[in-house]
Amino acid sequence: MKTRHDAWTLKNDQLLAETVLSYVQNGRTQSAAFKDVGNRLNRTAAACGYRWNAELRKNYTKEFEQAKMRRKEISLNKKEAQNNRQVLQHGEIIQLTIDECIHYLSQVRSKENHIHILDENIRLTEENKKLYEKKQTLMNKYEQLTNKKQKIDHKYKTLFRLINEVQIIEEEKQLYH
């Protein structure tokens, strides 16, 4: 809950003025600036708006007009940049600012990295598939060898049992002779 503050300090006034001028210059509303400052100073947006309109605005007339002019310049530059991009989309050659070139090239690099990542993903997916198939083949072979070993073990035990029986018979023969 916001509490009532009667006195505005010089610091509070400066924060309010700087925020309003910055918001206006960047194309945002004064209302949003009042709300932002109100949150920072624990005051209502209405109190900030009243302070700006009743006391501060007249002291910042020149700065306020400059902020509005810079907002128009920024807006025009944005529109011009959008028009330039539209012209570029239609295949015409245009002049770009350094910032626009940097932005374009970083997007190209990002796309190249993205394509590289996609290629790597496809390669790894194929490799993973081959390894899975090899694993399945080896597991089948292991199962076959395990079965074969069990059969050999069974035959070995049978043979060993028979050898033991023959030995017992031989021993019995020798006892009776």
N, C-alpha and C. Protein backbone atom coordinates (compact mmCIF):
# COMPACT_ATOMS: atom_id res chain seq x y z
N MET A 1 0.85 -1.19 0.00
CA MET A 1 0.00 0.00 0.00
C MET A 1 0.88 1.24 0.00
N LYS A 2 0.54 2.18 -0.85
CA LYS A 2 1.28 3.43 -0.94
C LYS A 2 0.88 4.32 0.23
N THR A 3 1.87 5.00 0.79
CA THR A 3 1.58 5.90 1.91
C THR A 3 1.69 7.34 1.43
N ARG A 4 1.04 8.22 2.14
CA ARG A 4 1.05 9.63 1.76
C ARG A 4 2.39 10.25 2.12
N HIS A 5 2.97 10.97 1.16
CA HIS A 5 4.22 11.71 1.36
C HIS A 5 3.92 13.14 0.94
N ASP A 6 4.03 14.06 1.86
CA ASP A 6 3.73 15.44 1.51
C ASP A 6 4.91 16.15 0.85
N ALA A 7 6.10 15.95 1.36
CA ALA A 7 7.25 16.69 0.85
C ALA A 7 7.94 15.91 -0.26
N TRP A 8 8.25 16.64 -1.35
CA TRP A 8 9.03 16.07 -2.45
C TRP A 8 10.45 16.61 -2.31
N THR A 9 11.42 15.73 -2.33
CA THR A 9 12.81 16.17 -2.24
C THR A 9 13.31 16.50 -3.64
N LEU A 10 14.43 17.19 -3.67
CA LEU A 10 15.05 17.53 -4.94
C LEU A 10 15.39 16.26 -5.72
N LYS A 11 15.85 15.24 -4.99
CA LYS A 11 16.19 13.96 -5.61
C LYS A 11 14.95 13.31 -6.22
N ASN A 12 13.80 13.37 -5.50
CA ASN A 12 12.55 12.82 -6.02
C ASN A 12 12.13 13.55 -7.29
N ASP A 13 12.25 14.89 -7.26
CA ASP A 13 11.88 15.69 -8.43
C ASP A 13 12.77 15.35 -9.63
N GLN A 14 14.07 15.19 -9.39
CA GLN A 14 14.99 14.87 -10.47
C GLN A 14 14.66 13.49 -11.07
N LEU A 15 14.38 12.52 -10.21
CA LEU A 15 14.03 11.19 -10.69
C LEU A 15 12.76 11.25 -11.55
N LEU A 16 11.76 11.97 -11.08
CA LEU A 16 10.51 12.10 -11.83
C LEU A 16 10.76 12.77 -13.18
N ALA A 17 11.51 13.87 -13.19
CA ALA A 17 11.75 14.61 -14.43
C ALA A 17 12.56 13.75 -15.42
N GLU A 18 13.63 13.12 -14.94
CA GLU A 18 14.47 12.30 -15.82
C GLU A 18 13.68 11.12 -16.41
N THR A 19 12.84 10.52 -15.57
CA THR A 19 12.07 9.37 -16.04
C THR A 19 11.04 9.80 -17.08
N VAL A 20 10.33 10.87 -16.81
CA VAL A 20 9.31 11.35 -17.76
C VAL A 20 9.98 11.70 -19.09
N LEU A 21 11.09 12.44 -19.05
CA LEU A 21 11.78 12.84 -20.27
C LEU A 21 12.28 11.61 -21.04
N SER A 22 12.81 10.64 -20.33
CA SER A 22 13.30 9.42 -20.97
C SER A 22 12.16 8.66 -21.63
N TYR A 23 11.04 8.51 -20.92
CA TYR A 23 9.89 7.80 -21.46
C TYR A 23 9.36 8.49 -22.72
N VAL A 24 9.23 9.80 -22.65
CA VAL A 24 8.71 10.56 -23.79
C VAL A 24 9.66 10.41 -24.98
N GLN A 25 10.95 10.54 -24.74
CA GLN A 25 11.94 10.43 -25.81
C GLN A 25 11.90 9.06 -26.47
N ASN A 26 11.64 8.02 -25.70
CA ASN A 26 11.64 6.66 -26.24
C ASN A 26 10.27 6.19 -26.70
N GLY A 27 9.32 7.13 -26.79
CA GLY A 27 8.02 6.80 -27.36
C GLY A 27 7.06 6.15 -26.39
N ARG A 28 7.37 6.21 -25.12
CA ARG A 28 6.46 5.63 -24.12
C ARG A 28 5.62 6.74 -23.52
N THR A 29 4.61 6.38 -22.77
CA THR A 29 3.67 7.38 -22.26
C THR A 29 4.15 7.98 -20.94
N GLN A 30 3.65 9.20 -20.67
CA GLN A 30 3.92 9.84 -19.39
C GLN A 30 3.27 9.03 -18.26
N SER A 31 2.11 8.46 -18.54
CA SER A 31 1.43 7.66 -17.51
C SER A 31 2.30 6.50 -17.05
N ALA A 32 2.96 5.86 -18.00
CA ALA A 32 3.85 4.75 -17.64
C ALA A 32 5.02 5.26 -16.80
N ALA A 33 5.51 6.46 -17.13
CA ALA A 33 6.60 7.06 -16.35
C ALA A 33 6.13 7.35 -14.92
N PHE A 34 4.91 7.89 -14.80
CA PHE A 34 4.38 8.20 -13.46
C PHE A 34 4.25 6.92 -12.63
N LYS A 35 3.80 5.86 -13.27
CA LYS A 35 3.64 4.59 -12.57
C LYS A 35 5.00 4.05 -12.12
N ASP A 36 5.99 4.11 -13.01
CA ASP A 36 7.33 3.63 -12.70
C ASP A 36 7.93 4.41 -11.52
N VAL A 37 7.87 5.73 -11.59
CA VAL A 37 8.41 6.56 -10.50
C VAL A 37 7.63 6.33 -9.22
N GLY A 38 6.31 6.19 -9.35
CA GLY A 38 5.48 5.93 -8.17
C GLY A 38 5.92 4.66 -7.47
N ASN A 39 6.19 3.63 -8.24
CA ASN A 39 6.67 2.37 -7.63
C ASN A 39 8.02 2.56 -6.95
N ARG A 40 8.90 3.32 -7.56
CA ARG A 40 10.23 3.53 -6.97
C ARG A 40 10.17 4.37 -5.70
N LEU A 41 9.26 5.34 -5.68
CA LEU A 41 9.19 6.26 -4.53
C LEU A 41 8.08 5.91 -3.54
N ASN A 42 7.40 4.81 -3.79
CA ASN A 42 6.28 4.39 -2.94
C ASN A 42 5.20 5.48 -2.89
N ARG A 43 4.90 6.03 -4.07
CA ARG A 43 3.84 7.03 -4.23
C ARG A 43 2.89 6.54 -5.32
N THR A 44 1.74 7.15 -5.39
CA THR A 44 0.80 6.77 -6.43
C THR A 44 1.21 7.42 -7.75
N ALA A 45 0.76 6.81 -8.84
CA ALA A 45 1.02 7.39 -10.17
C ALA A 45 0.34 8.75 -10.27
N ALA A 46 -0.82 8.88 -9.63
CA ALA A 46 -1.55 10.15 -9.66
C ALA A 46 -0.75 11.26 -8.97
N ALA A 47 -0.12 10.93 -7.86
CA ALA A 47 0.69 11.92 -7.14
C ALA A 47 1.87 12.36 -8.01
N CYS A 48 2.48 11.40 -8.69
CA CYS A 48 3.61 11.72 -9.57
C CYS A 48 3.13 12.58 -10.75
N GLY A 49 1.99 12.25 -11.31
CA GLY A 49 1.44 13.03 -12.42
C GLY A 49 1.10 14.45 -12.00
N TYR A 50 0.52 14.57 -10.82
CA TYR A 50 0.17 15.90 -10.32
C TYR A 50 1.44 16.72 -10.11
N ARG A 51 2.46 16.11 -9.50
CA ARG A 51 3.72 16.83 -9.23
C ARG A 51 4.35 17.28 -10.55
N TRP A 52 4.36 16.40 -11.55
CA TRP A 52 4.94 16.75 -12.84
C TRP A 52 4.18 17.91 -13.49
N ASN A 53 2.86 17.78 -13.57
CA ASN A 53 2.06 18.79 -14.27
C ASN A 53 1.95 20.10 -13.50
N ALA A 54 1.90 20.05 -12.18
CA ALA A 54 1.70 21.27 -11.39
C ALA A 54 3.00 22.00 -11.12
N GLU A 55 4.10 21.28 -10.94
CA GLU A 55 5.33 21.93 -10.48
C GLU A 55 6.51 21.82 -11.45
N LEU A 56 6.76 20.63 -11.97
CA LEU A 56 8.03 20.40 -12.67
C LEU A 56 8.01 20.71 -14.15
N ARG A 57 6.91 20.46 -14.80
CA ARG A 57 6.86 20.58 -16.26
C ARG A 57 7.30 21.95 -16.74
N LYS A 58 6.90 22.98 -16.04
CA LYS A 58 7.27 24.34 -16.46
C LYS A 58 8.78 24.58 -16.35
N ASN A 59 9.46 23.83 -15.46
CA ASN A 59 10.91 23.98 -15.30
C ASN A 59 11.68 23.18 -16.36
N TYR A 60 10.98 22.27 -17.05
CA TYR A 60 11.63 21.39 -18.03
C TYR A 60 11.01 21.55 -19.42
N THR A 61 10.49 22.72 -19.74
CA THR A 61 9.82 22.95 -21.02
C THR A 61 10.75 22.66 -22.19
N LYS A 62 11.94 23.22 -22.14
CA LYS A 62 12.90 23.04 -23.23
C LYS A 62 13.28 21.56 -23.38
N GLU A 63 13.62 20.90 -22.28
CA GLU A 63 14.01 19.49 -22.31
C GLU A 63 12.85 18.60 -22.79
N PHE A 64 11.62 18.97 -22.37
CA PHE A 64 10.45 18.20 -22.77
C PHE A 64 10.24 18.29 -24.28
N GLU A 65 10.38 19.49 -24.84
CA GLU A 65 10.25 19.68 -26.29
C GLU A 65 11.35 18.92 -27.04
N GLN A 66 12.57 18.95 -26.51
CA GLN A 66 13.67 18.21 -27.13
C GLN A 66 13.40 16.70 -27.10
N ALA A 67 12.86 16.23 -26.00
CA ALA A 67 12.55 14.80 -25.89
C ALA A 67 11.50 14.41 -26.93
N LYS A 68 10.50 15.25 -27.12
CA LYS A 68 9.47 14.96 -28.13
C LYS A 68 10.08 14.98 -29.53
N MET A 69 11.01 15.91 -29.78
CA MET A 69 11.65 15.96 -31.10
C MET A 69 12.51 14.72 -31.33
N ARG A 70 13.25 14.29 -30.29
CA ARG A 70 14.07 13.08 -30.43
C ARG A 70 13.18 11.86 -30.66
N ARG A 71 12.01 11.85 -30.00
CA ARG A 71 11.06 10.74 -30.22
C ARG A 71 10.64 10.70 -31.68
N LYS A 72 10.37 11.87 -32.27
CA LYS A 72 9.99 11.92 -33.68
C LYS A 72 11.14 11.45 -34.56
N GLU A 73 12.36 11.86 -34.24
CA GLU A 73 13.53 11.43 -35.02
C GLU A 73 13.69 9.91 -34.95
N ILE A 74 13.58 9.39 -33.74
CA ILE A 74 13.71 7.94 -33.56
C ILE A 74 12.62 7.22 -34.35
N SER A 75 11.40 7.74 -34.28
CA SER A 75 10.28 7.14 -35.00
C SER A 75 10.52 7.17 -36.50
N LEU A 76 11.00 8.30 -37.00
CA LEU A 76 11.29 8.41 -38.43
C LEU A 76 12.41 7.47 -38.83
N ASN A 77 13.45 7.37 -37.99
CA ASN A 77 14.56 6.45 -38.28
C ASN A 77 14.08 5.01 -38.32
N LYS A 78 13.18 4.66 -37.41
CA LYS A 78 12.63 3.30 -37.39
C LYS A 78 11.82 3.04 -38.66
N LYS A 79 11.00 4.03 -39.04
CA LYS A 79 10.20 3.86 -40.26
C LYS A 79 11.11 3.74 -41.48
N GLU A 80 12.17 4.57 -41.51
CA GLU A 80 13.10 4.52 -42.63
C GLU A 80 13.80 3.17 -42.67
N ALA A 81 14.19 2.67 -41.52
CA ALA A 81 14.85 1.36 -41.47
C ALA A 81 13.90 0.27 -41.94
N GLN A 82 12.62 0.37 -41.55
CA GLN A 82 11.63 -0.61 -42.01
C GLN A 82 11.45 -0.52 -43.52
N ASN A 83 11.40 0.69 -44.05
CA ASN A 83 11.27 0.87 -45.49
C ASN A 83 12.49 0.29 -46.21
N ASN A 84 13.67 0.52 -45.64
CA ASN A 84 14.89 -0.03 -46.24
C ASN A 84 14.83 -1.54 -46.28
N ARG A 85 14.38 -2.15 -45.20
CA ARG A 85 14.29 -3.61 -45.16
C ARG A 85 13.25 -4.09 -46.17
N GLN A 86 12.15 -3.35 -46.34
CA GLN A 86 11.14 -3.74 -47.31
C GLN A 86 11.71 -3.66 -48.73
N VAL A 87 12.49 -2.61 -49.01
CA VAL A 87 13.11 -2.47 -50.33
C VAL A 87 14.07 -3.63 -50.55
N LEU A 88 14.83 -3.99 -49.52
CA LEU A 88 15.78 -5.09 -49.63
C LEU A 88 15.04 -6.39 -49.90
N GLN A 89 13.87 -6.55 -49.31
CA GLN A 89 13.11 -7.77 -49.52
C GLN A 89 12.64 -7.88 -50.97
N HIS A 90 12.50 -6.78 -51.64
CA HIS A 90 12.07 -6.81 -53.03
C HIS A 90 13.26 -6.89 -53.98
N GLY A 91 14.46 -7.09 -53.45
CA GLY A 91 15.63 -7.33 -54.28
C GLY A 91 16.33 -6.08 -54.76
N GLU A 92 15.96 -4.92 -54.24
CA GLU A 92 16.63 -3.70 -54.66
C GLU A 92 17.83 -3.44 -53.76
N ILE A 93 18.84 -2.77 -54.32
CA ILE A 93 20.03 -2.42 -53.55
C ILE A 93 19.75 -1.12 -52.82
N ILE A 94 20.10 -1.11 -51.52
CA ILE A 94 19.87 0.09 -50.71
C ILE A 94 21.12 0.39 -49.91
N GLN A 95 21.16 1.56 -49.32
CA GLN A 95 22.25 1.91 -48.41
C GLN A 95 21.83 1.54 -47.00
N LEU A 96 22.73 0.90 -46.28
CA LEU A 96 22.45 0.50 -44.90
C LEU A 96 23.40 1.24 -43.97
N THR A 97 22.93 1.49 -42.76
CA THR A 97 23.81 2.06 -41.76
C THR A 97 24.72 0.96 -41.25
N ILE A 98 25.77 1.35 -40.56
CA ILE A 98 26.69 0.36 -40.00
C ILE A 98 25.95 -0.54 -39.01
N ASP A 99 25.09 0.05 -38.19
CA ASP A 99 24.33 -0.75 -37.22
C ASP A 99 23.44 -1.77 -37.92
N GLU A 100 22.81 -1.35 -39.03
CA GLU A 100 21.96 -2.28 -39.78
C GLU A 100 22.79 -3.38 -40.40
N CYS A 101 24.00 -3.04 -40.88
CA CYS A 101 24.89 -4.06 -41.44
C CYS A 101 25.30 -5.07 -40.37
N ILE A 102 25.68 -4.56 -39.22
CA ILE A 102 26.09 -5.44 -38.11
C ILE A 102 24.93 -6.35 -37.73
N HIS A 103 23.75 -5.77 -37.63
CA HIS A 103 22.57 -6.57 -37.27
C HIS A 103 22.31 -7.66 -38.32
N TYR A 104 22.37 -7.27 -39.59
CA TYR A 104 22.15 -8.23 -40.68
C TYR A 104 23.18 -9.35 -40.64
N LEU A 105 24.45 -8.98 -40.50
CA LEU A 105 25.51 -9.99 -40.49
C LEU A 105 25.41 -10.91 -39.28
N SER A 106 25.02 -10.37 -38.15
CA SER A 106 24.86 -11.24 -36.97
C SER A 106 23.71 -12.22 -37.19
N GLN A 107 22.67 -11.79 -37.90
CA GLN A 107 21.58 -12.71 -38.22
C GLN A 107 22.06 -13.79 -39.17
N VAL A 108 22.88 -13.41 -40.16
CA VAL A 108 23.42 -14.39 -41.11
C VAL A 108 24.28 -15.40 -40.36
N ARG A 109 25.16 -14.90 -39.47
CA ARG A 109 26.01 -15.79 -38.69
C ARG A 109 25.16 -16.71 -37.82
N SER A 110 24.12 -16.17 -37.24
CA SER A 110 23.24 -16.97 -36.40
C SER A 110 22.57 -18.06 -37.22
N LYS A 111 22.14 -17.72 -38.44
CA LYS A 111 21.51 -18.72 -39.32
C LYS A 111 22.52 -19.79 -39.71
N GLU A 112 23.78 -19.36 -40.01
CA GLU A 112 24.81 -20.33 -40.36
C GLU A 112 25.07 -21.28 -39.20
N ASN A 113 25.15 -20.72 -37.98
CA ASN A 113 25.34 -21.56 -36.80
C ASN A 113 24.16 -22.50 -36.63
N HIS A 114 22.98 -21.98 -36.90
CA HIS A 114 21.77 -22.78 -36.77
C HIS A 114 21.80 -23.94 -37.77
N ILE A 115 22.19 -23.65 -39.00
CA ILE A 115 22.28 -24.69 -40.03
C ILE A 115 23.34 -25.72 -39.63
N HIS A 116 24.47 -25.23 -39.11
CA HIS A 116 25.53 -26.14 -38.66
C HIS A 116 25.01 -27.04 -37.55
N ILE A 117 24.26 -26.48 -36.64
CA ILE A 117 23.70 -27.27 -35.53
C ILE A 117 22.71 -28.30 -36.08
N LEU A 118 21.88 -27.91 -37.03
CA LEU A 118 20.94 -28.85 -37.63
C LEU A 118 21.67 -29.98 -38.34
N ASP A 119 22.72 -29.64 -39.10
CA ASP A 119 23.52 -30.67 -39.79
C ASP A 119 24.15 -31.62 -38.78
N GLU A 120 24.70 -31.07 -37.71
CA GLU A 120 25.31 -31.89 -36.66
C GLU A 120 24.27 -32.79 -36.01
N ASN A 121 23.08 -32.25 -35.80
CA ASN A 121 21.99 -33.04 -35.21
C ASN A 121 21.62 -34.21 -36.12
N ILE A 122 21.52 -33.96 -37.41
CA ILE A 122 21.19 -35.03 -38.37
C ILE A 122 22.28 -36.10 -38.36
N ARG A 123 23.55 -35.65 -38.38
CA ARG A 123 24.66 -36.59 -38.36
C ARG A 123 24.64 -37.44 -37.09
N LEU A 124 24.42 -36.79 -35.95
CA LEU A 124 24.39 -37.53 -34.68
C LEU A 124 23.19 -38.47 -34.58
N THR A 125 22.08 -38.06 -35.15
CA THR A 125 20.89 -38.92 -35.16
C THR A 125 21.17 -40.18 -35.97
N GLU A 126 21.80 -40.02 -37.14
CA GLU A 126 22.16 -41.17 -37.98
C GLU A 126 23.15 -42.08 -37.25
N GLU A 127 24.15 -41.46 -36.63
CA GLU A 127 25.14 -42.24 -35.90
C GLU A 127 24.48 -43.00 -34.74
N ASN A 128 23.58 -42.33 -34.06
CA ASN A 128 22.85 -42.96 -32.95
C ASN A 128 22.03 -44.15 -33.46
N LYS A 129 21.39 -43.99 -34.61
CA LYS A 129 20.60 -45.07 -35.20
C LYS A 129 21.48 -46.27 -35.53
N LYS A 130 22.65 -46.01 -36.15
CA LYS A 130 23.57 -47.10 -36.49
C LYS A 130 24.07 -47.80 -35.24
N LEU A 131 24.40 -47.02 -34.22
CA LEU A 131 24.87 -47.62 -32.97
C LEU A 131 23.77 -48.46 -32.31
N TYR A 132 22.54 -47.98 -32.38
CA TYR A 132 21.43 -48.74 -31.82
C TYR A 132 21.27 -50.08 -32.55
N GLU A 133 21.35 -50.03 -33.89
CA GLU A 133 21.24 -51.25 -34.69
C GLU A 133 22.39 -52.21 -34.36
N LYS A 134 23.60 -51.66 -34.21
CA LYS A 134 24.75 -52.50 -33.86
C LYS A 134 24.55 -53.12 -32.48
N LYS A 135 24.02 -52.34 -31.56
CA LYS A 135 23.74 -52.84 -30.21
C LYS A 135 22.74 -53.99 -30.28
N GLN A 136 21.68 -53.82 -31.08
CA GLN A 136 20.67 -54.87 -31.22
C GLN A 136 21.29 -56.14 -31.81
N THR A 137 22.14 -55.97 -32.82
CA THR A 137 22.81 -57.12 -33.44
C THR A 137 23.68 -57.84 -32.42
N LEU A 138 24.45 -57.07 -31.66
CA LEU A 138 25.32 -57.67 -30.65
C LEU A 138 24.52 -58.35 -29.54
N MET A 139 23.40 -57.75 -29.17
CA MET A 139 22.56 -58.38 -28.14
C MET A 139 21.98 -59.70 -28.64
N ASN A 140 21.58 -59.74 -29.91
CA ASN A 140 21.06 -60.98 -30.50
C ASN A 140 22.17 -62.04 -30.54
N LYS A 141 23.36 -61.61 -30.94
CA LYS A 141 24.49 -62.55 -30.99
C LYS A 141 24.81 -63.06 -29.59
N TYR A 142 24.79 -62.16 -28.60
CA TYR A 142 25.04 -62.54 -27.21
C TYR A 142 24.01 -63.57 -26.75
N GLU A 143 22.76 -63.33 -27.08
CA GLU A 143 21.70 -64.27 -26.68
C GLU A 143 21.91 -65.63 -27.34
N GLN A 144 22.28 -65.63 -28.62
CA GLN A 144 22.55 -66.90 -29.32
C GLN A 144 23.72 -67.64 -28.68
N LEU A 145 24.79 -66.90 -28.36
CA LEU A 145 25.96 -67.53 -27.74
C LEU A 145 25.63 -68.04 -26.33
N THR A 146 24.81 -67.31 -25.61
CA THR A 146 24.38 -67.75 -24.28
C THR A 146 23.60 -69.05 -24.39
N ASN A 147 22.70 -69.13 -25.35
CA ASN A 147 21.93 -70.36 -25.57
C ASN A 147 22.85 -71.52 -25.96
N LYS A 148 23.80 -71.23 -26.84
CA LYS A 148 24.74 -72.26 -27.27
C LYS A 148 25.57 -72.76 -26.09
N LYS A 149 26.00 -71.83 -25.24
CA LYS A 149 26.78 -72.20 -24.06
C LYS A 149 25.96 -73.08 -23.12
N GLN A 150 24.69 -72.72 -22.93
CA GLN A 150 23.83 -73.54 -22.06
C GLN A 150 23.70 -74.97 -22.61
N LYS A 151 23.57 -75.08 -23.93
CA LYS A 151 23.48 -76.41 -24.54
C LYS A 151 24.77 -77.19 -24.35
N ILE A 152 25.91 -76.49 -24.55
CA ILE A 152 27.21 -77.15 -24.37
C ILE A 152 27.38 -77.57 -22.91
N ASP A 153 26.99 -76.67 -21.99
CA ASP A 153 27.07 -77.01 -20.56
C ASP A 153 26.22 -78.24 -20.24
N HIS A 154 25.04 -78.28 -20.82
CA HIS A 154 24.16 -79.42 -20.58
C HIS A 154 24.80 -80.72 -21.12
N LYS A 155 25.37 -80.63 -22.33
CA LYS A 155 26.03 -81.80 -22.92
C LYS A 155 27.25 -82.20 -22.10
N TYR A 156 27.99 -81.21 -21.63
CA TYR A 156 29.16 -81.48 -20.81
C TYR A 156 28.75 -82.22 -19.53
N LYS A 157 27.71 -81.73 -18.88
CA LYS A 157 27.24 -82.38 -17.65
C LYS A 157 26.77 -83.81 -17.94
N THR A 158 26.09 -83.94 -19.07
CA THR A 158 25.64 -85.28 -19.45
C THR A 158 26.84 -86.19 -19.69
N LEU A 159 27.82 -85.70 -20.42
CA LEU A 159 29.03 -86.48 -20.70
C LEU A 159 29.75 -86.82 -19.39
N PHE A 160 29.88 -85.85 -18.53
CA PHE A 160 30.56 -86.06 -17.26
C PHE A 160 29.82 -87.10 -16.41
N ARG A 161 28.51 -87.04 -16.42
CA ARG A 161 27.70 -88.02 -15.69
C ARG A 161 27.91 -89.42 -16.27
N LEU A 162 27.96 -89.52 -17.60
CA LEU A 162 28.19 -90.81 -18.25
C LEU A 162 29.57 -91.36 -17.92
N ILE A 163 30.57 -90.47 -17.95
CA ILE A 163 31.93 -90.90 -17.61
C ILE A 163 31.96 -91.42 -16.18
N ASN A 164 31.29 -90.73 -15.30
CA ASN A 164 31.23 -91.19 -13.90
C ASN A 164 30.55 -92.55 -13.79
N GLU A 165 29.49 -92.72 -14.54
CA GLU A 165 28.78 -94.00 -14.52
C GLU A 165 29.68 -95.13 -15.05
N VAL A 166 30.43 -94.84 -16.13
CA VAL A 166 31.33 -95.84 -16.69
C VAL A 166 32.41 -96.19 -15.67
N GLN A 167 32.94 -95.20 -14.99
CA GLN A 167 33.96 -95.45 -13.97
C GLN A 167 33.41 -96.34 -12.85
N ILE A 168 32.19 -96.01 -12.46
CA ILE A 168 31.57 -96.81 -11.40
C ILE A 168 31.40 -98.25 -11.87
N ILE A 169 30.96 -98.45 -13.09
CA ILE A 169 30.77 -99.79 -13.65
C ILE A 169 32.13 -100.51 -13.70
N GLU A 170 33.15 -99.82 -14.13
CA GLU A 170 34.49 -100.41 -14.22
C GLU A 170 34.99 -100.82 -12.84
N GLU A 171 34.74 -99.99 -11.88
CA GLU A 171 35.15 -100.30 -10.51
C GLU A 171 34.41 -101.54 -9.99
N GLU A 172 33.13 -101.59 -10.32
CA GLU A 172 32.33 -102.74 -9.88
C GLU A 172 32.83 -104.02 -10.56
N LYS A 173 33.20 -103.92 -11.81
CA LYS A 173 33.72 -105.07 -12.55
C LYS A 173 35.00 -105.58 -11.88
N GLN A 174 35.83 -104.68 -11.50
CA GLN A 174 37.08 -105.07 -10.90
C GLN A 174 36.85 -105.70 -9.51
N LEU A 175 35.86 -105.27 -8.86
CA LEU A 175 35.55 -105.83 -7.54
C LEU A 175 35.06 -107.25 -7.69
N TYR A 176 34.28 -107.56 -8.70
CA TYR A 176 33.72 -108.88 -8.90
C TYR A 176 34.70 -109.81 -9.59
N HIS A 177 35.72 -109.39 -10.15
CA HIS A 177 36.67 -110.27 -10.86
C HIS A 177 37.83 -110.53 -10.02
